[in-house]
Amino acid sequence: MKNIKIKTRGMHCGSCEMLVKDSLEELEGVEKADANFKSGIIEVDFDEGKITEKDVMEIIKSEGYEIE
């Protein structure tokens, strides 16, 4: 299991946190996701055998948030 923390821009509220968290946790291989709009940090635990870090970042971008 790999853990990454990704600094983002564009999250403004608790709804943004839930949107990102839910989108990531729907992916096969993502064990846990957490987002904090105040810090802009998204933390993800995932199985590298099922999904890549790049895949995780693409989902975040597809939800409208920028990776710093």
C-alpha atoms as a PDB file:
ATOM      1  CA  MET A   1       0.000   0.000   0.000  1.00  0.00           C
ATOM      2  CA  LYS A   2       1.359   3.406  -0.949  1.00  0.00           C
ATOM      3  CA  ASN A   3       0.442   6.701   0.711  1.00  0.00           C
ATOM      4  CA  ILE A   4       0.726   9.994  -1.145  1.00  0.00           C
ATOM      5  CA  LYS A   5      -0.090  13.579  -0.231  1.00  0.00           C
ATOM      6  CA  ILE A   6      -0.958  15.858  -3.121  1.00  0.00           C
ATOM      7  CA  LYS A   7      -1.092  19.649  -2.858  1.00  0.00           C
ATOM      8  CA  THR A   8      -3.973  21.062  -4.881  1.00  0.00           C
ATOM      9  CA  ARG A   9      -5.729  24.323  -5.666  1.00  0.00           C
ATOM     10  CA  GLY A  10      -9.421  24.910  -6.143  1.00  0.00           C
ATOM     11  CA  MET A  11     -11.099  23.282  -3.154  1.00  0.00           C
ATOM     12  CA  HIS A  12     -13.220  25.892  -1.366  1.00  0.00           C
ATOM     13  CA  CYS A  13     -15.512  23.999   1.017  1.00  0.00           C
ATOM     14  CA  GLY A  14     -16.525  20.743   2.622  1.00  0.00           C
ATOM     15  CA  SER A  15     -18.496  19.766  -0.477  1.00  0.00           C
ATOM     16  CA  CYS A  16     -15.286  19.970  -2.508  1.00  0.00           C
ATOM     17  CA  GLU A  17     -13.613  17.650   0.000  1.00  0.00           C
ATOM     18  CA  MET A  18     -16.421  15.100  -0.261  1.00  0.00           C
ATOM     19  CA  LEU A  19     -16.482  15.231  -4.069  1.00  0.00           C
ATOM     20  CA  VAL A  20     -12.785  14.417  -4.337  1.00  0.00           C
ATOM     21  CA  LYS A  21     -12.870  11.831  -1.555  1.00  0.00           C
ATOM     22  CA  ASP A  22     -15.850   9.990  -3.045  1.00  0.00           C
ATOM     23  CA  SER A  23     -14.441  10.073  -6.594  1.00  0.00           C
ATOM     24  CA  LEU A  24     -11.128   8.619  -5.458  1.00  0.00           C
ATOM     25  CA  GLU A  25     -12.623   5.967  -3.188  1.00  0.00           C
ATOM     26  CA  GLU A  26     -14.746   4.669  -6.087  1.00  0.00           C
ATOM     27  CA  LEU A  27     -11.566   3.624  -7.895  1.00  0.00           C
ATOM     28  CA  GLU A  28     -10.439   0.019  -7.656  1.00  0.00           C
ATOM     29  CA  GLY A  29      -7.212  -0.025  -5.694  1.00  0.00           C
ATOM     30  CA  VAL A  30      -7.880   3.080  -3.609  1.00  0.00           C
ATOM     31  CA  GLU A  31      -8.102   2.010   0.019  1.00  0.00           C
ATOM     32  CA  LYS A  32      -8.708   5.443   1.565  1.00  0.00           C
ATOM     33  CA  ALA A  33      -8.811   9.068   0.484  1.00  0.00           C
ATOM     34  CA  ASP A  34      -9.000  12.233   2.548  1.00  0.00           C
ATOM     35  CA  ALA A  35      -9.146  15.855   1.430  1.00  0.00           C
ATOM     36  CA  ASN A  36      -8.733  19.104   3.338  1.00  0.00           C
ATOM     37  CA  PHE A  37      -9.895  22.243   1.568  1.00  0.00           C
ATOM     38  CA  LYS A  38      -8.159  24.569   4.023  1.00  0.00           C
ATOM     39  CA  SER A  39      -4.702  23.123   3.367  1.00  0.00           C
ATOM     40  CA  GLY A  40      -5.433  21.961  -0.177  1.00  0.00           C
ATOM     41  CA  ILE A  41      -3.962  18.559   0.679  1.00  0.00           C
ATOM     42  CA  ILE A  42      -5.438  15.319  -0.623  1.00  0.00           C
ATOM     43  CA  GLU A  43      -4.057  12.165   0.993  1.00  0.00           C
ATOM     44  CA  VAL A  44      -4.574   8.827  -0.715  1.00  0.00           C
ATOM     45  CA  ASP A  45      -3.742   5.241   0.287  1.00  0.00           C
ATOM     46  CA  PHE A  46      -3.728   2.934  -2.734  1.00  0.00           C
ATOM     47  CA  ASP A  47      -2.524  -0.393  -4.085  1.00  0.00           C
ATOM     48  CA  GLU A  48       0.193   0.254  -6.671  1.00  0.00           C
ATOM     49  CA  GLY A  49      -0.627  -3.084  -8.292  1.00  0.00           C
ATOM     50  CA  LYS A  50      -4.105  -1.840  -9.235  1.00  0.00           C
ATOM     51  CA  ILE A  51      -3.742   1.904  -9.801  1.00  0.00           C
ATOM     52  CA  THR A  52      -0.923   4.389 -10.334  1.00  0.00           C
ATOM     53  CA  GLU A  53      -0.143   7.753  -8.778  1.00  0.00           C
ATOM     54  CA  LYS A  54      -0.741   9.276 -12.210  1.00  0.00           C
ATOM     55  CA  ASP A  55      -4.253   7.742 -12.301  1.00  0.00           C
ATOM     56  CA  VAL A  56      -4.997   9.304  -8.906  1.00  0.00           C
ATOM     57  CA  MET A  57      -3.842  12.717 -10.112  1.00  0.00           C
ATOM     58  CA  GLU A  58      -5.913  12.430 -13.301  1.00  0.00           C
ATOM     59  CA  ILE A  59      -9.078  11.834 -11.256  1.00  0.00           C
ATOM     60  CA  ILE A  60      -8.335  14.910  -9.134  1.00  0.00           C
ATOM     61  CA  LYS A  61      -7.831  16.990 -12.282  1.00  0.00           C
ATOM     62  CA  SER A  62     -11.001  15.600 -13.869  1.00  0.00           C
ATOM     63  CA  GLU A  63     -12.957  16.926 -10.878  1.00  0.00           C
ATOM     64  CA  GLY A  64     -11.690  20.429 -11.681  1.00  0.00           C
ATOM     65  CA  TYR A  65      -8.810  20.824  -9.203  1.00  0.00           C
ATOM     66  CA  GLU A  66      -5.242  21.779 -10.022  1.00  0.00           C
ATOM     67  CA  ILE A  67      -2.188  19.879  -8.850  1.00  0.00           C
ATOM     68  CA  GLU A  68       0.541  22.128  -7.449  1.00  0.00           C
END
